[in-house]
Amino acid sequence: MSKKLCEAGLSGESDEQIATKIFSLISFLEGNGLSRKFGIESPSEITDEFAITSEDLNEEGMNVIRKSYEKWSSADTGSGDVRLLELTLKRVRNSPK
């Protein structure tokens, strides 16, 4: 896939695995109210030009990404596994404001 995706910590995986992993991330973010709606319905719609920026995320979404993206993106837990992100979100939501 693109150099941009490899720079995002997703190198060493097939294009299909990368697209599936990014789609899982999008679904997690949207489903938990952490981002805007991207309008992506399947991993096959993920192109080399696709990017998630800080402007796409709300404050809670940024906290989750800051705390767990690097570890999640490099984890060898299967391309659709978002358990680490879910755990981080739970911690963010349960932390005192």
PDB file of N, CA and C in Angstrom:
ATOM      1  N   MET A   1       0.858  -1.170   0.000  1.00  0.00           N
ATOM      2  CA  MET A   1       0.000   0.000   0.000  1.00  0.00           C
ATOM      3  C   MET A   1       0.897   1.222   0.000  1.00  0.00           C
ATOM      4  N   SER A   2       0.407   2.331   0.403  1.00  0.00           N
ATOM      5  CA  SER A   2       1.185   3.553   0.263  1.00  0.00           C
ATOM      6  C   SER A   2       2.247   3.722   1.332  1.00  0.00           C
ATOM      7  N   LYS A   3       3.201   4.564   1.000  1.00  0.00           N
ATOM      8  CA  LYS A   3       4.250   4.933   1.951  1.00  0.00           C
ATOM      9  C   LYS A   3       3.627   5.575   3.184  1.00  0.00           C
ATOM     10  N   LYS A   4       2.559   6.363   2.975  1.00  0.00           N
ATOM     11  CA  LYS A   4       1.877   7.042   4.078  1.00  0.00           C
ATOM     12  C   LYS A   4       1.378   6.024   5.111  1.00  0.00           C
ATOM     13  N   LEU A   5       0.792   4.918   4.647  1.00  0.00           N
ATOM     14  CA  LEU A   5       0.292   3.909   5.567  1.00  0.00           C
ATOM     15  C   LEU A   5       1.432   3.203   6.279  1.00  0.00           C
ATOM     16  N   CYS A   6       2.509   2.961   5.583  1.00  0.00           N
ATOM     17  CA  CYS A   6       3.673   2.348   6.217  1.00  0.00           C
ATOM     18  C   CYS A   6       4.244   3.272   7.282  1.00  0.00           C
ATOM     19  N   GLU A   7       4.244   4.564   7.006  1.00  0.00           N
ATOM     20  CA  GLU A   7       4.722   5.534   7.989  1.00  0.00           C
ATOM     21  C   GLU A   7       3.804   5.587   9.201  1.00  0.00           C
ATOM     22  N   ALA A   8       2.549   5.172   9.036  1.00  0.00           N
ATOM     23  CA  ALA A   8       1.586   5.179  10.138  1.00  0.00           C
ATOM     24  C   ALA A   8       1.751   3.959  11.031  1.00  0.00           C
ATOM     25  N   GLY A   9       2.785   3.163  10.792  1.00  0.00           N
ATOM     26  CA  GLY A   9       3.053   2.015  11.645  1.00  0.00           C
ATOM     27  C   GLY A   9       2.422   0.732  11.165  1.00  0.00           C
ATOM     28  N   LEU A  10       1.972   0.682   9.922  1.00  0.00           N
ATOM     29  CA  LEU A  10       1.291  -0.497   9.419  1.00  0.00           C
ATOM     30  C   LEU A  10       2.092  -1.233   8.358  1.00  0.00           C
ATOM     31  N   SER A  11       3.404  -1.080   8.371  1.00  0.00           N
ATOM     32  CA  SER A  11       4.226  -1.783   7.391  1.00  0.00           C
ATOM     33  C   SER A  11       4.353  -3.248   7.787  1.00  0.00           C
ATOM     34  N   GLY A  12       4.761  -4.058   6.853  1.00  0.00           N
ATOM     35  CA  GLY A  12       4.974  -5.469   7.127  1.00  0.00           C
ATOM     36  C   GLY A  12       3.707  -6.299   7.014  1.00  0.00           C
ATOM     37  N   GLU A  13       2.612  -5.691   6.626  1.00  0.00           N
ATOM     38  CA  GLU A  13       1.358  -6.399   6.453  1.00  0.00           C
ATOM     39  C   GLU A  13       0.933  -6.276   4.998  1.00  0.00           C
ATOM     40  N   SER A  14       0.075  -7.203   4.562  1.00  0.00           N
ATOM     41  CA  SER A  14      -0.421  -7.127   3.186  1.00  0.00           C
ATOM     42  C   SER A  14      -1.363  -5.932   3.048  1.00  0.00           C
ATOM     43  N   ASP A  15      -1.584  -5.512   1.811  1.00  0.00           N
ATOM     44  CA  ASP A  15      -2.507  -4.400   1.559  1.00  0.00           C
ATOM     45  C   ASP A  15      -3.883  -4.694   2.150  1.00  0.00           C
ATOM     46  N   GLU A  16      -4.336  -5.929   1.998  1.00  0.00           N
ATOM     47  CA  GLU A  16      -5.648  -6.319   2.519  1.00  0.00           C
ATOM     48  C   GLU A  16      -5.683  -6.231   4.046  1.00  0.00           C
ATOM     49  N   GLN A  17      -4.622  -6.676   4.706  1.00  0.00           N
ATOM     50  CA  GLN A  17      -4.559  -6.587   6.167  1.00  0.00           C
ATOM     51  C   GLN A  17      -4.550  -5.136   6.630  1.00  0.00           C
ATOM     52  N   ILE A  18      -3.806  -4.305   5.937  1.00  0.00           N
ATOM     53  CA  ILE A  18      -3.740  -2.883   6.288  1.00  0.00           C
ATOM     54  C   ILE A  18      -5.118  -2.249   6.136  1.00  0.00           C
ATOM     55  N   ALA A  19      -5.787  -2.502   5.017  1.00  0.00           N
ATOM     56  CA  ALA A  19      -7.116  -1.928   4.790  1.00  0.00           C
ATOM     57  C   ALA A  19      -8.104  -2.413   5.844  1.00  0.00           C
ATOM     58  N   THR A  20      -8.029  -3.691   6.202  1.00  0.00           N
ATOM     59  CA  THR A  20      -8.920  -4.234   7.224  1.00  0.00           C
ATOM     60  C   THR A  20      -8.643  -3.602   8.578  1.00  0.00           C
ATOM     61  N   LYS A  21      -7.379  -3.423   8.896  1.00  0.00           N
ATOM     62  CA  LYS A  21      -7.015  -2.820  10.181  1.00  0.00           C
ATOM     63  C   LYS A  21      -7.486  -1.363  10.244  1.00  0.00           C
ATOM     64  N   ILE A  22      -7.303  -0.616   9.181  1.00  0.00           N
ATOM     65  CA  ILE A  22      -7.755   0.778   9.147  1.00  0.00           C
ATOM     66  C   ILE A  22      -9.279   0.846   9.214  1.00  0.00           C
ATOM     67  N   PHE A  23      -9.952  -0.047   8.508  1.00  0.00           N
ATOM     68  CA  PHE A  23     -11.410  -0.078   8.556  1.00  0.00           C
ATOM     69  C   PHE A  23     -11.894  -0.376   9.976  1.00  0.00           C
ATOM     70  N   SER A  24     -11.219  -1.284  10.664  1.00  0.00           N
ATOM     71  CA  SER A  24     -11.567  -1.589  12.058  1.00  0.00           C
ATOM     72  C   SER A  24     -11.391  -0.363  12.943  1.00  0.00           C
ATOM     73  N   LEU A  25     -10.322   0.382  12.709  1.00  0.00           N
ATOM     74  CA  LEU A  25     -10.081   1.610  13.469  1.00  0.00           C
ATOM     75  C   LEU A  25     -11.193   2.627  13.208  1.00  0.00           C
ATOM     76  N   ILE A  26     -11.547   2.818  11.946  1.00  0.00           N
ATOM     77  CA  ILE A  26     -12.615   3.752  11.587  1.00  0.00           C
ATOM     78  C   ILE A  26     -13.922   3.342  12.260  1.00  0.00           C
ATOM     79  N   SER A  27     -14.257   2.064  12.172  1.00  0.00           N
ATOM     80  CA  SER A  27     -15.497   1.566  12.772  1.00  0.00           C
ATOM     81  C   SER A  27     -15.502   1.781  14.274  1.00  0.00           C
ATOM     82  N   PHE A  28     -14.365   1.531  14.912  1.00  0.00           N
ATOM     83  CA  PHE A  28     -14.241   1.750  16.354  1.00  0.00           C
ATOM     84  C   PHE A  28     -14.451   3.221  16.695  1.00  0.00           C
ATOM     85  N   LEU A  29     -13.768   4.098  15.986  1.00  0.00           N
ATOM     86  CA  LEU A  29     -13.871   5.534  16.260  1.00  0.00           C
ATOM     87  C   LEU A  29     -15.297   6.041  16.049  1.00  0.00           C
ATOM     88  N   GLU A  30     -15.887   5.705  14.915  1.00  0.00           N
ATOM     89  CA  GLU A  30     -17.250   6.158  14.622  1.00  0.00           C
ATOM     90  C   GLU A  30     -18.250   5.576  15.611  1.00  0.00           C
ATOM     91  N   GLY A  31     -18.126   4.290  15.878  1.00  0.00           N
ATOM     92  CA  GLY A  31     -19.070   3.592  16.748  1.00  0.00           C
ATOM     93  C   GLY A  31     -19.058   4.072  18.183  1.00  0.00           C
ATOM     94  N   ASN A  32     -17.963   4.668  18.594  1.00  0.00           N
ATOM     95  CA  ASN A  32     -17.844   5.158  19.963  1.00  0.00           C
ATOM     96  C   ASN A  32     -17.928   6.675  20.053  1.00  0.00           C
ATOM     97  N   GLY A  33     -18.340   7.308  18.963  1.00  0.00           N
ATOM     98  CA  GLY A  33     -18.511   8.757  18.963  1.00  0.00           C
ATOM     99  C   GLY A  33     -17.215   9.527  19.139  1.00  0.00           C
ATOM    100  N   LEU A  34     -16.114   8.974  18.621  1.00  0.00           N
ATOM    101  CA  LEU A  34     -14.800   9.587  18.787  1.00  0.00           C
ATOM    102  C   LEU A  34     -14.348  10.368  17.563  1.00  0.00           C
ATOM    103  N   SER A  35     -15.130  10.291  16.483  1.00  0.00           N
ATOM    104  CA  SER A  35     -14.715  10.930  15.229  1.00  0.00           C
ATOM    105  C   SER A  35     -15.926  11.357  14.420  1.00  0.00           C
ATOM    106  N   ARG A  36     -15.628  12.056  13.350  1.00  0.00           N
ATOM    107  CA  ARG A  36     -16.655  12.366  12.357  1.00  0.00           C
ATOM    108  C   ARG A  36     -16.983  11.077  11.608  1.00  0.00           C
ATOM    109  N   LYS A  37     -18.026  11.083  10.826  1.00  0.00           N
ATOM    110  CA  LYS A  37     -18.362   9.939   9.983  1.00  0.00           C
ATOM    111  C   LYS A  37     -17.519  10.014   8.710  1.00  0.00           C
ATOM    112  N   PHE A  38     -16.827   8.934   8.411  1.00  0.00           N
ATOM    113  CA  PHE A  38     -15.939   8.906   7.247  1.00  0.00           C
ATOM    114  C   PHE A  38     -16.646   8.464   5.968  1.00  0.00           C
ATOM    115  N   GLY A  39     -17.786   7.809   6.077  1.00  0.00           N
ATOM    116  CA  GLY A  39     -18.503   7.344   4.894  1.00  0.00           C
ATOM    117  C   GLY A  39     -17.847   6.161   4.216  1.00  0.00           C
ATOM    118  N   ILE A  40     -17.051   5.407   4.950  1.00  0.00           N
ATOM    119  CA  ILE A  40     -16.377   4.216   4.415  1.00  0.00           C
ATOM    120  C   ILE A  40     -17.203   3.001   4.840  1.00  0.00           C
ATOM    121  N   GLU A  41     -17.648   2.214   3.869  1.00  0.00           N
ATOM    122  CA  GLU A  41     -18.522   1.077   4.149  1.00  0.00           C
ATOM    123  C   GLU A  41     -17.799  -0.267   4.177  1.00  0.00           C
ATOM    124  N   SER A  42     -16.592  -0.327   3.626  1.00  0.00           N
ATOM    125  CA  SER A  42     -15.861  -1.598   3.604  1.00  0.00           C
ATOM    126  C   SER A  42     -14.364  -1.327   3.455  1.00  0.00           C
ATOM    127  N   PRO A  43     -13.546  -2.316   3.836  1.00  0.00           N
ATOM    128  CA  PRO A  43     -12.094  -2.138   3.696  1.00  0.00           C
ATOM    129  C   PRO A  43     -11.656  -1.853   2.265  1.00  0.00           C
ATOM    130  N   SER A  44     -12.407  -2.330   1.291  1.00  0.00           N
ATOM    131  CA  SER A  44     -12.019  -2.115  -0.112  1.00  0.00           C
ATOM    132  C   SER A  44     -12.085  -0.640  -0.512  1.00  0.00           C
ATOM    133  N   GLU A  45     -12.753   0.186   0.285  1.00  0.00           N
ATOM    134  CA  GLU A  45     -12.839   1.618  -0.001  1.00  0.00           C
ATOM    135  C   GLU A  45     -11.648   2.402   0.545  1.00  0.00           C
ATOM    136  N   ILE A  46     -10.762   1.744   1.281  1.00  0.00           N
ATOM    137  CA  ILE A  46      -9.573   2.399   1.819  1.00  0.00           C
ATOM    138  C   ILE A  46      -8.556   2.517   0.687  1.00  0.00           C
ATOM    139  N   THR A  47      -8.198   3.741   0.345  1.00  0.00           N
ATOM    140  CA  THR A  47      -7.235   3.977  -0.734  1.00  0.00           C
ATOM    141  C   THR A  47      -5.929   4.511  -0.159  1.00  0.00           C
ATOM    142  N   ASP A  48      -4.942   4.619  -1.011  1.00  0.00           N
ATOM    143  CA  ASP A  48      -3.651   5.171  -0.599  1.00  0.00           C
ATOM    144  C   ASP A  48      -3.781   6.604  -0.099  1.00  0.00           C
ATOM    145  N   GLU A  49      -4.783   7.310  -0.574  1.00  0.00           N
ATOM    146  CA  GLU A  49      -4.956   8.714  -0.200  1.00  0.00           C
ATOM    147  C   GLU A  49      -5.702   8.896   1.118  1.00  0.00           C
ATOM    148  N   PHE A  50      -6.287   7.822   1.654  1.00  0.00           N
ATOM    149  CA  PHE A  50      -7.070   7.943   2.883  1.00  0.00           C
ATOM    150  C   PHE A  50      -6.171   8.318   4.054  1.00  0.00           C
ATOM    151  N   ALA A  51      -6.668   9.209   4.893  1.00  0.00           N
ATOM    152  CA  ALA A  51      -5.924   9.611   6.092  1.00  0.00           C
ATOM    153  C   ALA A  51      -6.906  10.001   7.181  1.00  0.00           C
ATOM    154  N   ILE A  52      -6.524   9.735   8.411  1.00  0.00           N
ATOM    155  CA  ILE A  52      -7.254  10.223   9.573  1.00  0.00           C
ATOM    156  C   ILE A  52      -6.375  11.304  10.183  1.00  0.00           C
ATOM    157  N   THR A  53      -6.937  12.488  10.342  1.00  0.00           N
ATOM    158  CA  THR A  53      -6.174  13.599  10.911  1.00  0.00           C
ATOM    159  C   THR A  53      -6.782  14.007  12.249  1.00  0.00           C
ATOM    160  N   SER A  54      -6.067  14.837  12.966  1.00  0.00           N
ATOM    161  CA  SER A  54      -6.568  15.301  14.261  1.00  0.00           C
ATOM    162  C   SER A  54      -7.894  16.043  14.108  1.00  0.00           C
ATOM    163  N   GLU A  55      -8.118  16.675  12.967  1.00  0.00           N
ATOM    164  CA  GLU A  55      -9.374  17.382  12.733  1.00  0.00           C
ATOM    165  C   GLU A  55     -10.561  16.429  12.631  1.00  0.00           C
ATOM    166  N   ASP A  56     -10.296  15.151  12.345  1.00  0.00           N
ATOM    167  CA  ASP A  56     -11.359  14.151  12.233  1.00  0.00           C
ATOM    168  C   ASP A  56     -11.813  13.632  13.593  1.00  0.00           C
ATOM    169  N   LEU A  57     -11.028  13.868  14.632  1.00  0.00           N
ATOM    170  CA  LEU A  57     -11.285  13.298  15.953  1.00  0.00           C
ATOM    171  C   LEU A  57     -11.735  14.359  16.941  1.00  0.00           C
ATOM    172  N   ASN A  58     -12.561  13.933  17.903  1.00  0.00           N
ATOM    173  CA  ASN A  58     -12.879  14.843  18.998  1.00  0.00           C
ATOM    174  C   ASN A  58     -11.812  14.668  20.089  1.00  0.00           C
ATOM    175  N   GLU A  59     -11.934  15.397  21.172  1.00  0.00           N
ATOM    176  CA  GLU A  59     -10.905  15.369  22.221  1.00  0.00           C
ATOM    177  C   GLU A  59     -10.719  13.967  22.803  1.00  0.00           C
ATOM    178  N   GLU A  60     -11.818  13.286  23.050  1.00  0.00           N
ATOM    179  CA  GLU A  60     -11.741  11.932  23.594  1.00  0.00           C
ATOM    180  C   GLU A  60     -11.066  10.986  22.596  1.00  0.00           C
ATOM    181  N   GLY A  61     -11.398  11.135  21.326  1.00  0.00           N
ATOM    182  CA  GLY A  61     -10.766  10.328  20.287  1.00  0.00           C
ATOM    183  C   GLY A  61      -9.271  10.568  20.212  1.00  0.00           C
ATOM    184  N   MET A  62      -8.875  11.828  20.322  1.00  0.00           N
ATOM    185  CA  MET A  62      -7.440  12.151  20.325  1.00  0.00           C
ATOM    186  C   MET A  62      -6.740  11.509  21.520  1.00  0.00           C
ATOM    187  N   ASN A  63      -7.376  11.519  22.688  1.00  0.00           N
ATOM    188  CA  ASN A  63      -6.776  10.891  23.868  1.00  0.00           C
ATOM    189  C   ASN A  63      -6.557   9.403  23.652  1.00  0.00           C
ATOM    190  N   VAL A  64      -7.544   8.726  23.092  1.00  0.00           N
ATOM    191  CA  VAL A  64      -7.417   7.287  22.840  1.00  0.00           C
ATOM    192  C   VAL A  64      -6.285   7.026  21.854  1.00  0.00           C
ATOM    193  N   ILE A  65      -6.240   7.777  20.767  1.00  0.00           N
ATOM    194  CA  ILE A  65      -5.197   7.582  19.753  1.00  0.00           C
ATOM    195  C   ILE A  65      -3.817   7.879  20.329  1.00  0.00           C
ATOM    196  N   ARG A  66      -3.687   8.953  21.066  1.00  0.00           N
ATOM    197  CA  ARG A  66      -2.386   9.290  21.669  1.00  0.00           C
ATOM    198  C   ARG A  66      -1.889   8.187  22.594  1.00  0.00           C
ATOM    199  N   LYS A  67      -2.805   7.593  23.345  1.00  0.00           N
ATOM    200  CA  LYS A  67      -2.411   6.619  24.359  1.00  0.00           C
ATOM    201  C   LYS A  67      -2.213   5.212  23.814  1.00  0.00           C
ATOM    202  N   SER A  68      -2.831   4.879  22.685  1.00  0.00           N
ATOM    203  CA  SER A  68      -2.764   3.476  22.277  1.00  0.00           C
ATOM    204  C   SER A  68      -2.494   3.200  20.809  1.00  0.00           C
ATOM    205  N   TYR A  69      -2.482   4.215  19.945  1.00  0.00           N
ATOM    206  CA  TYR A  69      -2.338   3.928  18.512  1.00  0.00           C
ATOM    207  C   TYR A  69      -1.039   3.203  18.177  1.00  0.00           C
ATOM    208  N   GLU A  70       0.059   3.685  18.692  1.00  0.00           N
ATOM    209  CA  GLU A  70       1.349   3.083  18.335  1.00  0.00           C
ATOM    210  C   GLU A  70       1.394   1.605  18.718  1.00  0.00           C
ATOM    211  N   LYS A  71       0.974   1.302  19.927  1.00  0.00           N
ATOM    212  CA  LYS A  71       0.982  -0.092  20.383  1.00  0.00           C
ATOM    213  C   LYS A  71      -0.029  -0.922  19.586  1.00  0.00           C
ATOM    214  N   TRP A  72      -1.221  -0.367  19.344  1.00  0.00           N
ATOM    215  CA  TRP A  72      -2.250  -1.081  18.593  1.00  0.00           C
ATOM    216  C   TRP A  72      -1.796  -1.353  17.161  1.00  0.00           C
ATOM    217  N   SER A  73      -1.218  -0.354  16.505  1.00  0.00           N
ATOM    218  CA  SER A  73      -0.843  -0.509  15.096  1.00  0.00           C
ATOM    219  C   SER A  73       0.289  -1.506  14.900  1.00  0.00           C
ATOM    220  N   SER A  74       1.127  -1.663  15.912  1.00  0.00           N
ATOM    221  CA  SER A  74       2.249  -2.596  15.779  1.00  0.00           C
ATOM    222  C   SER A  74       1.943  -3.970  16.364  1.00  0.00           C
ATOM    223  N   ALA A  75       0.805  -4.119  17.029  1.00  0.00           N
ATOM    224  CA  ALA A  75       0.451  -5.403  17.640  1.00  0.00           C
ATOM    225  C   ALA A  75       0.116  -6.429  16.572  1.00  0.00           C
ATOM    226  N   ASP A  76       0.520  -7.653  16.818  1.00  0.00           N
ATOM    227  CA  ASP A  76       0.229  -8.757  15.902  1.00  0.00           C
ATOM    228  C   ASP A  76      -0.945  -9.552  16.474  1.00  0.00           C
ATOM    229  N   THR A  77      -2.116  -8.905  16.520  1.00  0.00           N
ATOM    230  CA  THR A  77      -3.281  -9.535  17.143  1.00  0.00           C
ATOM    231  C   THR A  77      -4.394  -9.812  16.151  1.00  0.00           C
ATOM    232  N   GLY A  78      -4.117  -9.746  14.903  1.00  0.00           N
ATOM    233  CA  GLY A  78      -5.154  -9.906  13.891  1.00  0.00           C
ATOM    234  C   GLY A  78      -5.599  -8.539  13.409  1.00  0.00           C
ATOM    235  N   SER A  79      -5.869  -8.439  12.146  1.00  0.00           N
ATOM    236  CA  SER A  79      -6.077  -7.121  11.564  1.00  0.00           C
ATOM    237  C   SER A  79      -7.323  -6.393  12.032  1.00  0.00           C
ATOM    238  N   GLY A  80      -8.317  -7.091  12.565  1.00  0.00           N
ATOM    239  CA  GLY A  80      -9.525  -6.395  12.985  1.00  0.00           C
ATOM    240  C   GLY A  80      -9.687  -6.258  14.484  1.00  0.00           C
ATOM    241  N   ASP A  81      -8.679  -6.588  15.241  1.00  0.00           N
ATOM    242  CA  ASP A  81      -8.760  -6.605  16.702  1.00  0.00           C
ATOM    243  C   ASP A  81      -8.624  -5.198  17.276  1.00  0.00           C
ATOM    244  N   VAL A  82      -9.654  -4.748  17.981  1.00  0.00           N
ATOM    245  CA  VAL A  82      -9.620  -3.410  18.585  1.00  0.00           C
ATOM    246  C   VAL A  82      -9.692  -3.472  20.112  1.00  0.00           C
ATOM    247  N   ARG A  83      -9.405  -4.625  20.693  1.00  0.00           N
ATOM    248  CA  ARG A  83      -9.505  -4.756  22.158  1.00  0.00           C
ATOM    249  C   ARG A  83      -8.618  -3.763  22.894  1.00  0.00           C
ATOM    250  N   LEU A  84      -7.426  -3.519  22.404  1.00  0.00           N
ATOM    251  CA  LEU A  84      -6.535  -2.552  23.051  1.00  0.00           C
ATOM    252  C   LEU A  84      -7.149  -1.152  23.010  1.00  0.00           C
ATOM    253  N   LEU A  85      -7.735  -0.792  21.890  1.00  0.00           N
ATOM    254  CA  LEU A  85      -8.396   0.509  21.775  1.00  0.00           C
ATOM    255  C   LEU A  85      -9.591   0.592  22.722  1.00  0.00           C
ATOM    256  N   GLU A  86     -10.355  -0.493  22.826  1.00  0.00           N
ATOM    257  CA  GLU A  86     -11.506  -0.519  23.735  1.00  0.00           C
ATOM    258  C   GLU A  86     -11.070  -0.346  25.184  1.00  0.00           C
ATOM    259  N   LEU A  87     -10.003  -1.026  25.566  1.00  0.00           N
ATOM    260  CA  LEU A  87      -9.478  -0.908  26.929  1.00  0.00           C
ATOM    261  C   LEU A  87      -9.026   0.524  27.208  1.00  0.00           C
ATOM    262  N   THR A  88      -8.340   1.115  26.254  1.00  0.00           N
ATOM    263  CA  THR A  88      -7.885   2.498  26.413  1.00  0.00           C
ATOM    264  C   THR A  88      -9.073   3.444  26.527  1.00  0.00           C
ATOM    265  N   LEU A  89     -10.090   3.253  25.714  1.00  0.00           N
ATOM    266  CA  LEU A  89     -11.282   4.101  25.778  1.00  0.00           C
ATOM    267  C   LEU A  89     -11.942   3.988  27.149  1.00  0.00           C
ATOM    268  N   LYS A  90     -12.029   2.786  27.656  1.00  0.00           N
ATOM    269  CA  LYS A  90     -12.622   2.582  28.987  1.00  0.00           C
ATOM    270  C   LYS A  90     -11.840   3.358  30.044  1.00  0.00           C
ATOM    271  N   ARG A  91     -10.518   3.297  29.962  1.00  0.00           N
ATOM    272  CA  ARG A  91      -9.678   4.035  30.915  1.00  0.00           C
ATOM    273  C   ARG A  91      -9.868   5.545  30.774  1.00  0.00           C
ATOM    274  N   VAL A  92      -9.924   6.021  29.537  1.00  0.00           N
ATOM    275  CA  VAL A  92     -10.116   7.457  29.289  1.00  0.00           C
ATOM    276  C   VAL A  92     -11.455   7.912  29.866  1.00  0.00           C
ATOM    277  N   ARG A  93     -12.498   7.134  29.624  1.00  0.00           N
ATOM    278  CA  ARG A  93     -13.837   7.523  30.091  1.00  0.00           C
ATOM    279  C   ARG A  93     -13.987   7.401  31.606  1.00  0.00           C
ATOM    280  N   ASN A  94     -13.208   6.530  32.227  1.00  0.00           N
ATOM    281  CA  ASN A  94     -13.301   6.351  33.677  1.00  0.00           C
ATOM    282  C   ASN A  94     -12.325   7.212  34.459  1.00  0.00           C
ATOM    283  N   SER A  95     -11.450   7.918  33.772  1.00  0.00           N
ATOM    284  CA  SER A  95     -10.475   8.751  34.484  1.00  0.00           C
ATOM    285  C   SER A  95     -11.150  10.028  34.966  1.00  0.00           C
ATOM    286  N   PRO A  96     -10.715  10.527  36.131  1.00  0.00           N
ATOM    287  CA  PRO A  96     -11.303  11.772  36.639  1.00  0.00           C
ATOM    288  C   PRO A  96     -11.015  12.928  35.686  1.00  0.00           C
ATOM    289  N   LYS A  97     -11.969  13.771  35.526  1.00  0.00           N
ATOM    290  CA  LYS A  97     -11.830  14.914  34.609  1.00  0.00           C
ATOM    291  C   LYS A  97     -11.062  16.042  35.242  1.00  0.00           C
TER     292      LYS A  97
END
